[in-house]
Amino acid sequence: TPEGLNTPGKRALYNNLDKNEELAMKIDETIRKTRPDAWRGVQAREQV
């Protein structure tokens, strides 16, 4: 596993994206920038 995948979330993305580290890191960064607070279970926030 590459060194940059230092959280369980990043590793889960990496393992489910055909071991594409660049894509996993890009998705991680995107989610961290865009996720609203308390988004789970709120359809409008999940759509964001």
All heavy atoms as atom14 arrays in JSON, in Angstrom:
{
  "sequence": "TPEGLNTPGKRALYNNLDKNEELAMKIDETIRKTRPDAWRGVQAREQV",
  "atom14_mask": [
    [1, 1, 1, 1, 1, 1, 1, 0, 0, 0, 0, 0, 0, 0],
    [1, 1, 1, 1, 1, 1, 1, 0, 0, 0, 0, 0, 0, 0],
    [1, 1, 1, 1, 1, 1, 1, 1, 1, 0, 0, 0, 0, 0],
    [1, 1, 1, 1, 0, 0, 0, 0, 0, 0, 0, 0, 0, 0],
    [1, 1, 1, 1, 1, 1, 1, 1, 0, 0, 0, 0, 0, 0],
    [1, 1, 1, 1, 1, 1, 1, 1, 0, 0, 0, 0, 0, 0],
    [1, 1, 1, 1, 1, 1, 1, 0, 0, 0, 0, 0, 0, 0],
    [1, 1, 1, 1, 1, 1, 1, 0, 0, 0, 0, 0, 0, 0],
    [1, 1, 1, 1, 0, 0, 0, 0, 0, 0, 0, 0, 0, 0],
    [1, 1, 1, 1, 1, 1, 1, 1, 1, 0, 0, 0, 0, 0],
    [1, 1, 1, 1, 1, 1, 1, 1, 1, 1, 1, 0, 0, 0],
    [1, 1, 1, 1, 1, 0, 0, 0, 0, 0, 0, 0, 0, 0],
    [1, 1, 1, 1, 1, 1, 1, 1, 0, 0, 0, 0, 0, 0],
    [1, 1, 1, 1, 1, 1, 1, 1, 1, 1, 1, 1, 0, 0],
    [1, 1, 1, 1, 1, 1, 1, 1, 0, 0, 0, 0, 0, 0],
    [1, 1, 1, 1, 1, 1, 1, 1, 0, 0, 0, 0, 0, 0],
    [1, 1, 1, 1, 1, 1, 1, 1, 0, 0, 0, 0, 0, 0],
    [1, 1, 1, 1, 1, 1, 1, 1, 0, 0, 0, 0, 0, 0],
    [1, 1, 1, 1, 1, 1, 1, 1, 1, 0, 0, 0, 0, 0],
    [1, 1, 1, 1, 1, 1, 1, 1, 0, 0, 0, 0, 0, 0],
    [1, 1, 1, 1, 1, 1, 1, 1, 1, 0, 0, 0, 0, 0],
    [1, 1, 1, 1, 1, 1, 1, 1, 1, 0, 0, 0, 0, 0],
    [1, 1, 1, 1, 1, 1, 1, 1, 0, 0, 0, 0, 0, 0],
    [1, 1, 1, 1, 1, 0, 0, 0, 0, 0, 0, 0, 0, 0],
    [1, 1, 1, 1, 1, 1, 1, 1, 0, 0, 0, 0, 0, 0],
    [1, 1, 1, 1, 1, 1, 1, 1, 1, 0, 0, 0, 0, 0],
    [1, 1, 1, 1, 1, 1, 1, 1, 0, 0, 0, 0, 0, 0],
    [1, 1, 1, 1, 1, 1, 1, 1, 0, 0, 0, 0, 0, 0],
    [1, 1, 1, 1, 1, 1, 1, 1, 1, 0, 0, 0, 0, 0],
    [1, 1, 1, 1, 1, 1, 1, 0, 0, 0, 0, 0, 0, 0],
    [1, 1, 1, 1, 1, 1, 1, 1, 0, 0, 0, 0, 0, 0],
    [1, 1, 1, 1, 1, 1, 1, 1, 1, 1, 1, 0, 0, 0],
    [1, 1, 1, 1, 1, 1, 1, 1, 1, 0, 0, 0, 0, 0],
    [1, 1, 1, 1, 1, 1, 1, 0, 0, 0, 0, 0, 0, 0],
    [1, 1, 1, 1, 1, 1, 1, 1, 1, 1, 1, 0, 0, 0],
    [1, 1, 1, 1, 1, 1, 1, 0, 0, 0, 0, 0, 0, 0],
    [1, 1, 1, 1, 1, 1, 1, 1, 0, 0, 0, 0, 0, 0],
    [1, 1, 1, 1, 1, 0, 0, 0, 0, 0, 0, 0, 0, 0],
    [1, 1, 1, 1, 1, 1, 1, 1, 1, 1, 1, 1, 1, 1],
    [1, 1, 1, 1, 1, 1, 1, 1, 1, 1, 1, 0, 0, 0],
    [1, 1, 1, 1, 0, 0, 0, 0, 0, 0, 0, 0, 0, 0],
    [1, 1, 1, 1, 1, 1, 1, 0, 0, 0, 0, 0, 0, 0],
    [1, 1, 1, 1, 1, 1, 1, 1, 1, 0, 0, 0, 0, 0],
    [1, 1, 1, 1, 1, 0, 0, 0, 0, 0, 0, 0, 0, 0],
    [1, 1, 1, 1, 1, 1, 1, 1, 1, 1, 1, 0, 0, 0],
    [1, 1, 1, 1, 1, 1, 1, 1, 1, 0, 0, 0, 0, 0],
    [1, 1, 1, 1, 1, 1, 1, 1, 1, 0, 0, 0, 0, 0],
    [1, 1, 1, 1, 1, 1, 1, 0, 0, 0, 0, 0, 0, 0]
  ],
  "atom14_positions": [
    [[0.84, -1.19, 0.0], [0.0, 0.0, 0.0], [0.88, 1.24, 0.0], [1.78, 1.37, 0.82], [-0.92, 0.02, 1.25], [-1.68, -1.19, 1.26], [-1.85, 1.2, 1.23], [0.0, 0.0, 0.0], [0.0, 0.0, 0.0], [0.0, 0.0, 0.0], [0.0, 0.0, 0.0], [0.0, 0.0, 0.0], [0.0, 0.0, 0.0], [0.0, 0.0, 0.0]],
    [[0.61, 2.2, -0.9], [1.41, 3.42, -0.95], [1.34, 4.22, 0.35], [0.33, 4.21, 1.06], [0.77, 4.21, -2.1], [0.1, 3.17, -2.94], [-0.36, 2.12, -1.98], [0.0, 0.0, 0.0], [0.0, 0.0, 0.0], [0.0, 0.0, 0.0], [0.0, 0.0, 0.0], [0.0, 0.0, 0.0], [0.0, 0.0, 0.0], [0.0, 0.0, 0.0]],
    [[2.41, 4.92, 0.65], [2.53, 5.7, 1.88], [1.45, 6.76, 2.04], [1.01, 7.05, 3.13], [3.91, 6.38, 1.94], [5.06, 5.42, 2.11], [5.18, 4.88, 3.52], [4.89, 5.63, 4.47], [5.55, 3.71, 3.65], [0.0, 0.0, 0.0], [0.0, 0.0, 0.0], [0.0, 0.0, 0.0], [0.0, 0.0, 0.0], [0.0, 0.0, 0.0]],
    [[1.04, 7.39, 0.94], [0.07, 8.49, 1.0], [-1.31, 8.06, 1.47], [-2.12, 8.89, 1.86], [0.0, 0.0, 0.0], [0.0, 0.0, 0.0], [0.0, 0.0, 0.0], [0.0, 0.0, 0.0], [0.0, 0.0, 0.0], [0.0, 0.0, 0.0], [0.0, 0.0, 0.0], [0.0, 0.0, 0.0], [0.0, 0.0, 0.0], [0.0, 0.0, 0.0]],
    [[-1.59, 6.79, 1.45], [-2.89, 6.27, 1.85], [-2.86, 5.99, 3.35], [-2.87, 4.86, 3.8], [-3.24, 5.02, 1.06], [-3.21, 5.22, -0.46], [-3.4, 3.92, -1.18], [-4.25, 6.22, -0.89], [0.0, 0.0, 0.0], [0.0, 0.0, 0.0], [0.0, 0.0, 0.0], [0.0, 0.0, 0.0], [0.0, 0.0, 0.0], [0.0, 0.0, 0.0]],
    [[-2.85, 7.07, 4.12], [-2.61, 6.97, 5.55], [-3.87, 6.98, 6.41], [-3.8, 7.14, 7.61], [-1.67, 8.08, 5.99], [-2.17, 9.44, 5.54], [-3.24, 9.57, 4.99], [-1.36, 10.45, 5.77], [0.0, 0.0, 0.0], [0.0, 0.0, 0.0], [0.0, 0.0, 0.0], [0.0, 0.0, 0.0], [0.0, 0.0, 0.0], [0.0, 0.0, 0.0]],
    [[-5.04, 6.84, 5.79], [-6.28, 6.76, 6.55], [-7.11, 5.6, 6.02], [-6.96, 5.19, 4.87], [-7.11, 8.05, 6.44], [-7.59, 8.19, 5.1], [-6.31, 9.3, 6.84], [0.0, 0.0, 0.0], [0.0, 0.0, 0.0], [0.0, 0.0, 0.0], [0.0, 0.0, 0.0], [0.0, 0.0, 0.0], [0.0, 0.0, 0.0], [0.0, 0.0, 0.0]],
    [[-8.0, 5.08, 6.85], [-8.85, 3.98, 6.38], [-9.71, 4.37, 5.17], [-9.93, 3.55, 4.28], [-9.74, 3.66, 7.59], [-8.96, 4.14, 8.76], [-8.19, 5.33, 8.27], [0.0, 0.0, 0.0], [0.0, 0.0, 0.0], [0.0, 0.0, 0.0], [0.0, 0.0, 0.0], [0.0, 0.0, 0.0], [0.0, 0.0, 0.0], [0.0, 0.0, 0.0]],
    [[-10.18, 5.59, 5.13], [-11.0, 6.03, 4.01], [-10.23, 6.04, 2.7], [-10.73, 5.58, 1.67], [0.0, 0.0, 0.0], [0.0, 0.0, 0.0], [0.0, 0.0, 0.0], [0.0, 0.0, 0.0], [0.0, 0.0, 0.0], [0.0, 0.0, 0.0], [0.0, 0.0, 0.0], [0.0, 0.0, 0.0], [0.0, 0.0, 0.0], [0.0, 0.0, 0.0]],
    [[-9.02, 6.56, 2.73], [-8.19, 6.57, 1.52], [-7.88, 5.16, 1.06], [-7.9, 4.88, -0.14], [-6.88, 7.33, 1.78], [-7.06, 8.83, 1.93], [-5.74, 9.48, 2.26], [-5.9, 10.96, 2.53], [-4.62, 11.59, 2.92], [0.0, 0.0, 0.0], [0.0, 0.0, 0.0], [0.0, 0.0, 0.0], [0.0, 0.0, 0.0], [0.0, 0.0, 0.0]],
    [[-7.59, 4.27, 2.02], [-7.28, 2.89, 1.65], [-8.52, 2.2, 1.07], [-8.41, 1.43, 0.12], [-6.73, 2.12, 2.85], [-5.3, 2.52, 3.19], [-4.68, 1.6, 4.2], [-5.31, 1.63, 5.5], [-4.99, 2.48, 6.48], [-4.03, 3.38, 6.29], [-5.61, 2.44, 7.63], [0.0, 0.0, 0.0], [0.0, 0.0, 0.0], [0.0, 0.0, 0.0]],
    [[-9.69, 2.48, 1.62], [-10.93, 1.89, 1.09], [-11.17, 2.35, -0.34], [-11.54, 1.55, -1.21], [-12.11, 2.25, 1.97], [0.0, 0.0, 0.0], [0.0, 0.0, 0.0], [0.0, 0.0, 0.0], [0.0, 0.0, 0.0], [0.0, 0.0, 0.0], [0.0, 0.0, 0.0], [0.0, 0.0, 0.0], [0.0, 0.0, 0.0], [0.0, 0.0, 0.0]],
    [[-10.96, 3.63, -0.6], [-11.12, 4.14, -1.96], [-10.11, 3.48, -2.9], [-10.47, 3.01, -3.98], [-10.97, 5.66, -1.99], [-12.1, 6.45, -1.36], [-11.71, 7.91, -1.19], [-13.37, 6.32, -2.17], [0.0, 0.0, 0.0], [0.0, 0.0, 0.0], [0.0, 0.0, 0.0], [0.0, 0.0, 0.0], [0.0, 0.0, 0.0], [0.0, 0.0, 0.0]],
    [[-8.87, 3.44, -2.49], [-7.8, 2.85, -3.29], [-8.12, 1.39, -3.64], [-8.01, 0.98, -4.79], [-6.49, 2.94, -2.5], [-5.31, 2.23, -3.1], [-4.61, 2.78, -4.16], [-4.85, 1.02, -2.57], [-3.5, 2.14, -4.7], [-3.75, 0.38, -3.09], [-3.07, 0.95, -4.16], [-1.98, 0.3, -4.69], [0.0, 0.0, 0.0], [0.0, 0.0, 0.0]],
    [[-8.54, 0.63, -2.65], [-8.83, -0.79, -2.87], [-10.04, -1.02, -3.76], [-10.14, -2.05, -4.41], [-9.03, -1.5, -1.53], [-7.73, -1.63, -0.76], [-6.66, -1.72, -1.34], [-7.83, -1.63, 0.55], [0.0, 0.0, 0.0], [0.0, 0.0, 0.0], [0.0, 0.0, 0.0], [0.0, 0.0, 0.0], [0.0, 0.0, 0.0], [0.0, 0.0, 0.0]],
    [[-10.95, -0.05, -3.8], [-12.16, -0.2, -4.61], [-12.1, 0.56, -5.93], [-13.08, 0.56, -6.68], [-13.38, 0.24, -3.8], [-13.73, -0.76, -2.73], [-14.32, -1.78, -3.02], [-13.33, -0.47, -1.5], [0.0, 0.0, 0.0], [0.0, 0.0, 0.0], [0.0, 0.0, 0.0], [0.0, 0.0, 0.0], [0.0, 0.0, 0.0], [0.0, 0.0, 0.0]],
    [[-10.99, 1.19, -6.2], [-10.8, 1.91, -7.46], [-9.64, 1.3, -8.25], [-8.81, 2.01, -8.82], [-10.56, 3.41, -7.2], [-11.73, 4.17, -6.6], [-11.31, 5.55, -6.13], [-12.87, 4.27, -7.62], [0.0, 0.0, 0.0], [0.0, 0.0, 0.0], [0.0, 0.0, 0.0], [0.0, 0.0, 0.0], [0.0, 0.0, 0.0], [0.0, 0.0, 0.0]],
    [[-9.57, 0.0, -8.25], [-8.54, -0.74, -8.99], [-7.12, -0.28, -8.66], [-6.27, -0.15, -9.53], [-8.79, -0.62, -10.5], [-10.1, -1.24, -10.91], [-10.46, -2.28, -10.32], [-10.78, -0.69, -11.81], [0.0, 0.0, 0.0], [0.0, 0.0, 0.0], [0.0, 0.0, 0.0], [0.0, 0.0, 0.0], [0.0, 0.0, 0.0], [0.0, 0.0, 0.0]],
    [[-6.89, 0.0, -7.38], [-5.56, 0.39, -6.88], [-5.04, 1.65, -7.57], [-3.84, 1.82, -7.77], [-4.56, -0.75, -7.05], [-5.01, -2.07, -6.51], [-4.69, -2.24, -5.08], [-4.98, -3.66, -4.64], [-5.58, -3.74, -3.35], [0.0, 0.0, 0.0], [0.0, 0.0, 0.0], [0.0, 0.0, 0.0], [0.0, 0.0, 0.0], [0.0, 0.0, 0.0]],
    [[-5.96, 2.58, -7.91], [-5.6, 3.84, -8.55], [-5.39, 4.9, -7.46], [-6.34, 5.52, -6.99], [-6.69, 4.27, -9.53], [-6.33, 5.49, -10.32], [-5.52, 6.31, -9.91], [-6.93, 5.63, -11.49], [0.0, 0.0, 0.0], [0.0, 0.0, 0.0], [0.0, 0.0, 0.0], [0.0, 0.0, 0.0], [0.0, 0.0, 0.0], [0.0, 0.0, 0.0]],
    [[-4.13, 5.08, -7.04], [-3.82, 5.99, -5.94], [-4.2, 7.44, -6.27], [-4.76, 8.15, -5.44], [-2.33, 5.92, -5.6], [-1.95, 6.83, -4.45], [-0.47, 6.78, -4.12], [0.31, 6.13, -4.84], [-0.08, 7.43, -3.13], [0.0, 0.0, 0.0], [0.0, 0.0, 0.0], [0.0, 0.0, 0.0], [0.0, 0.0, 0.0], [0.0, 0.0, 0.0]],
    [[-3.9, 7.86, -7.48], [-4.19, 9.25, -7.87], [-5.69, 9.54, -7.79], [-6.1, 10.58, -7.24], [-3.69, 9.49, -9.3], [-3.87, 10.91, -9.77], [-3.34, 11.12, -11.18], [-2.43, 10.39, -11.6], [-3.87, 12.02, -11.86], [0.0, 0.0, 0.0], [0.0, 0.0, 0.0], [0.0, 0.0, 0.0], [0.0, 0.0, 0.0], [0.0, 0.0, 0.0]],
    [[-6.51, 8.64, -8.29], [-7.96, 8.83, -8.24], [-8.47, 8.79, -6.8], [-9.32, 9.6, -6.42], [-8.66, 7.77, -9.09], [-10.17, 7.87, -9.21], [-10.6, 9.23, -9.76], [-10.72, 6.75, -10.08], [0.0, 0.0, 0.0], [0.0, 0.0, 0.0], [0.0, 0.0, 0.0], [0.0, 0.0, 0.0], [0.0, 0.0, 0.0], [0.0, 0.0, 0.0]],
    [[-7.95, 7.88, -6.0], [-8.36, 7.79, -4.59], [-8.05, 9.08, -3.86], [-8.88, 9.59, -3.09], [-7.69, 6.61, -3.92], [0.0, 0.0, 0.0], [0.0, 0.0, 0.0], [0.0, 0.0, 0.0], [0.0, 0.0, 0.0], [0.0, 0.0, 0.0], [0.0, 0.0, 0.0], [0.0, 0.0, 0.0], [0.0, 0.0, 0.0], [0.0, 0.0, 0.0]],
    [[-6.87, 9.63, -4.08], [-6.48, 10.88, -3.43], [-7.34, 12.05, -3.91], [-7.73, 12.92, -3.13], [-4.99, 11.16, -3.68], [-4.07, 10.12, -3.08], [-4.18, 9.97, -1.31], [-3.17, 11.35, -0.83], [0.0, 0.0, 0.0], [0.0, 0.0, 0.0], [0.0, 0.0, 0.0], [0.0, 0.0, 0.0], [0.0, 0.0, 0.0], [0.0, 0.0, 0.0]],
    [[-7.64, 12.08, -5.2], [-8.46, 13.15, -5.76], [-9.88, 13.1, -5.18], [-10.45, 14.14, -4.82], [-8.5, 13.05, -7.28], [-9.17, 14.21, -7.95], [-9.0, 14.15, -9.45], [-9.57, 15.39, -10.09], [-9.34, 15.43, -11.52], [0.0, 0.0, 0.0], [0.0, 0.0, 0.0], [0.0, 0.0, 0.0], [0.0, 0.0, 0.0], [0.0, 0.0, 0.0]],
    [[-10.45, 11.9, -5.07], [-11.79, 11.77, -4.5], [-11.78, 12.16, -3.03], [-12.67, 12.87, -2.56], [-12.33, 10.34, -4.71], [-12.66, 10.15, -6.2], [-13.56, 10.09, -3.85], [-13.05, 8.74, -6.56], [0.0, 0.0, 0.0], [0.0, 0.0, 0.0], [0.0, 0.0, 0.0], [0.0, 0.0, 0.0], [0.0, 0.0, 0.0], [0.0, 0.0, 0.0]],
    [[-10.76, 11.72, -2.29], [-10.64, 12.08, -0.88], [-10.62, 13.59, -0.71], [-11.34, 14.15, 0.12], [-9.38, 11.45, -0.28], [-9.15, 11.86, 1.15], [-9.85, 11.33, 2.03], [-8.28, 12.72, 1.39], [0.0, 0.0, 0.0], [0.0, 0.0, 0.0], [0.0, 0.0, 0.0], [0.0, 0.0, 0.0], [0.0, 0.0, 0.0], [0.0, 0.0, 0.0]],
    [[-9.8, 14.25, -1.49], [-9.69, 15.71, -1.41], [-11.02, 16.38, -1.77], [-11.45, 17.32, -1.11], [-8.58, 16.19, -2.36], [-8.39, 17.69, -2.36], [-7.31, 18.13, -3.34], [-6.52, 17.28, -3.8], [-7.28, 19.33, -3.65], [0.0, 0.0, 0.0], [0.0, 0.0, 0.0], [0.0, 0.0, 0.0], [0.0, 0.0, 0.0], [0.0, 0.0, 0.0]],
    [[-11.67, 15.89, -2.82], [-12.95, 16.45, -3.25], [-14.0, 16.32, -2.15], [-14.73, 17.28, -1.86], [-13.44, 15.74, -4.53], [-12.47, 15.93, -5.56], [-14.78, 16.27, -4.98], [0.0, 0.0, 0.0], [0.0, 0.0, 0.0], [0.0, 0.0, 0.0], [0.0, 0.0, 0.0], [0.0, 0.0, 0.0], [0.0, 0.0, 0.0], [0.0, 0.0, 0.0]],
    [[-14.08, 15.16, -1.53], [-15.07, 14.93, -0.47], [-14.79, 15.84, 0.72], [-15.7, 16.46, 1.28], [-15.09, 13.45, -0.03], [-15.49, 12.55, -1.19], [-16.01, 13.24, 1.17], [-16.78, 12.93, -1.86], [0.0, 0.0, 0.0], [0.0, 0.0, 0.0], [0.0, 0.0, 0.0], [0.0, 0.0, 0.0], [0.0, 0.0, 0.0], [0.0, 0.0, 0.0]],
    [[-13.55, 15.94, 1.11], [-13.2, 16.78, 2.27], [-13.54, 18.25, 2.01], [-13.91, 18.96, 2.94], [-11.73, 16.61, 2.62], [-11.43, 15.25, 3.2], [-9.97, 15.08, 3.58], [-9.66, 13.72, 3.92], [-9.94, 13.13, 5.09], [-10.53, 13.82, 6.02], [-9.6, 11.88, 5.29], [0.0, 0.0, 0.0], [0.0, 0.0, 0.0], [0.0, 0.0, 0.0]],
    [[-13.41, 18.7, 0.78], [-13.71, 20.1, 0.45], [-15.21, 20.38, 0.34], [-15.65, 21.48, 0.63], [-13.05, 20.48, -0.88], [-11.57, 20.68, -0.78], [-11.0, 21.09, -2.14], [-9.51, 21.3, -2.07], [-8.94, 21.64, -3.37], [0.0, 0.0, 0.0], [0.0, 0.0, 0.0], [0.0, 0.0, 0.0], [0.0, 0.0, 0.0], [0.0, 0.0, 0.0]],
    [[-15.99, 19.38, -0.1], [-17.39, 19.66, -0.42], [-18.41, 19.12, 0.57], [-19.56, 19.57, 0.53], [-17.75, 19.07, -1.81], [-17.56, 17.65, -1.78], [-16.92, 19.71, -2.9], [0.0, 0.0, 0.0], [0.0, 0.0, 0.0], [0.0, 0.0, 0.0], [0.0, 0.0, 0.0], [0.0, 0.0, 0.0], [0.0, 0.0, 0.0], [0.0, 0.0, 0.0]],
    [[-18.04, 18.2, 1.42], [-19.04, 17.59, 2.3], [-19.63, 18.6, 3.28], [-18.9, 19.31, 3.97], [-18.45, 16.41, 3.06], [-17.44, 16.89, 4.06], [-16.92, 15.82, 4.94], [-15.96, 16.46, 5.84], [-14.95, 15.88, 6.38], [-14.73, 14.63, 6.16], [-14.14, 16.55, 7.17], [0.0, 0.0, 0.0], [0.0, 0.0, 0.0], [0.0, 0.0, 0.0]],
    [[-20.95, 18.65, 3.35], [-21.59, 19.5, 4.36], [-21.55, 18.8, 5.72], [-21.4, 17.58, 5.8], [-23.04, 19.62, 3.87], [-23.09, 18.97, 2.54], [-21.89, 18.11, 2.41], [0.0, 0.0, 0.0], [0.0, 0.0, 0.0], [0.0, 0.0, 0.0], [0.0, 0.0, 0.0], [0.0, 0.0, 0.0], [0.0, 0.0, 0.0], [0.0, 0.0, 0.0]],
    [[-21.7, 19.58, 6.78], [-21.78, 18.98, 8.11], [-23.03, 18.13, 8.22], [-24.07, 18.46, 7.65], [-21.81, 20.08, 9.19], [-20.48, 20.79, 9.33], [-19.45, 20.2, 8.96], [-20.47, 21.93, 9.8], [0.0, 0.0, 0.0], [0.0, 0.0, 0.0], [0.0, 0.0, 0.0], [0.0, 0.0, 0.0], [0.0, 0.0, 0.0], [0.0, 0.0, 0.0]],
    [[-22.94, 17.06, 8.98], [-24.08, 16.16, 9.24], [-24.8, 15.77, 7.95], [-26.01, 15.88, 7.85], [-25.03, 16.81, 10.24], [0.0, 0.0, 0.0], [0.0, 0.0, 0.0], [0.0, 0.0, 0.0], [0.0, 0.0, 0.0], [0.0, 0.0, 0.0], [0.0, 0.0, 0.0], [0.0, 0.0, 0.0], [0.0, 0.0, 0.0], [0.0, 0.0, 0.0]],
    [[-24.06, 15.29, 6.98], [-24.63, 15.0, 5.66], [-25.29, 13.63, 5.57], [-26.17, 13.44, 4.73], [-23.56, 15.13, 4.58], [-22.39, 14.2, 4.74], [-21.24, 14.47, 5.4], [-22.26, 12.88, 4.21], [-20.39, 13.39, 5.34], [-21.0, 12.4, 4.61], [-23.09, 12.06, 3.45], [-20.54, 11.13, 4.27], [-22.63, 10.79, 3.12], [-21.37, 10.34, 3.52]],
    [[-24.91, 12.7, 6.4], [-25.47, 11.35, 6.3], [-26.97, 11.35, 6.6], [-27.41, 11.88, 7.61], [-24.77, 10.4, 7.25], [-23.42, 9.97, 6.76], [-22.75, 9.02, 7.76], [-21.47, 8.58, 7.29], [-20.36, 9.3, 7.37], [-20.38, 10.5, 7.89], [-19.22, 8.82, 6.91], [0.0, 0.0, 0.0], [0.0, 0.0, 0.0], [0.0, 0.0, 0.0]],
    [[-27.73, 10.74, 5.71], [-29.17, 10.63, 5.9], [-29.98, 11.84, 5.46], [-31.2, 11.81, 5.51], [0.0, 0.0, 0.0], [0.0, 0.0, 0.0], [0.0, 0.0, 0.0], [0.0, 0.0, 0.0], [0.0, 0.0, 0.0], [0.0, 0.0, 0.0], [0.0, 0.0, 0.0], [0.0, 0.0, 0.0], [0.0, 0.0, 0.0], [0.0, 0.0, 0.0]],
    [[-29.31, 12.9, 5.02], [-30.01, 14.1, 4.53], [-29.81, 14.13, 3.02], [-28.72, 14.4, 2.53], [-29.46, 15.39, 5.19], [-30.2, 16.6, 4.67], [-29.53, 15.29, 6.7], [0.0, 0.0, 0.0], [0.0, 0.0, 0.0], [0.0, 0.0, 0.0], [0.0, 0.0, 0.0], [0.0, 0.0, 0.0], [0.0, 0.0, 0.0], [0.0, 0.0, 0.0]],
    [[-30.89, 13.85, 2.31], [-30.78, 13.64, 0.86], [-30.16, 14.83, 0.14], [-29.31, 14.66, -0.74], [-32.14, 13.33, 0.26], [-32.05, 12.94, -1.2], [-33.37, 12.5, -1.78], [-34.41, 12.61, -1.14], [-33.33, 12.0, -2.99], [0.0, 0.0, 0.0], [0.0, 0.0, 0.0], [0.0, 0.0, 0.0], [0.0, 0.0, 0.0], [0.0, 0.0, 0.0]],
    [[-30.55, 16.04, 0.48], [-30.0, 17.23, -0.2], [-28.49, 17.34, 0.01], [-27.75, 17.67, -0.93], [-30.7, 18.49, 0.29], [0.0, 0.0, 0.0], [0.0, 0.0, 0.0], [0.0, 0.0, 0.0], [0.0, 0.0, 0.0], [0.0, 0.0, 0.0], [0.0, 0.0, 0.0], [0.0, 0.0, 0.0], [0.0, 0.0, 0.0], [0.0, 0.0, 0.0]],
    [[-28.04, 17.04, 1.21], [-26.6, 17.11, 1.49], [-25.84, 15.97, 0.82], [-24.71, 16.16, 0.37], [-26.37, 17.11, 3.0], [-26.89, 18.38, 3.65], [-26.73, 18.35, 5.14], [-27.31, 19.55, 5.73], [-27.44, 19.76, 7.01], [-27.01, 18.85, 7.87], [-27.99, 20.86, 7.46], [0.0, 0.0, 0.0], [0.0, 0.0, 0.0], [0.0, 0.0, 0.0]],
    [[-26.46, 14.81, 0.78], [-25.84, 13.68, 0.08], [-25.72, 13.99, -1.42], [-24.74, 13.59, -2.05], [-26.64, 12.4, 0.31], [-26.51, 11.86, 1.72], [-27.29, 10.58, 1.95], [-28.02, 10.12, 1.04], [-27.17, 10.01, 3.06], [0.0, 0.0, 0.0], [0.0, 0.0, 0.0], [0.0, 0.0, 0.0], [0.0, 0.0, 0.0], [0.0, 0.0, 0.0]],
    [[-26.68, 14.69, -1.97], [-26.63, 15.06, -3.4], [-25.47, 16.0, -3.68], [-24.89, 15.97, -4.77], [-27.96, 15.7, -3.82], [-29.13, 14.73, -3.86], [-28.91, 13.57, -4.82], [-28.23, 13.68, -5.83], [-29.5, 12.43, -4.48], [0.0, 0.0, 0.0], [0.0, 0.0, 0.0], [0.0, 0.0, 0.0], [0.0, 0.0, 0.0], [0.0, 0.0, 0.0]],
    [[-25.1, 16.84, -2.72], [-23.94, 17.73, -2.88], [-22.69, 16.88, -3.07], [-21.86, 17.15, -3.96], [-23.8, 18.68, -1.66], [-22.47, 19.41, -1.69], [-24.96, 19.65, -1.6], [0.0, 0.0, 0.0], [0.0, 0.0, 0.0], [0.0, 0.0, 0.0], [0.0, 0.0, 0.0], [0.0, 0.0, 0.0], [0.0, 0.0, 0.0], [0.0, 0.0, 0.0]]
  ]
}
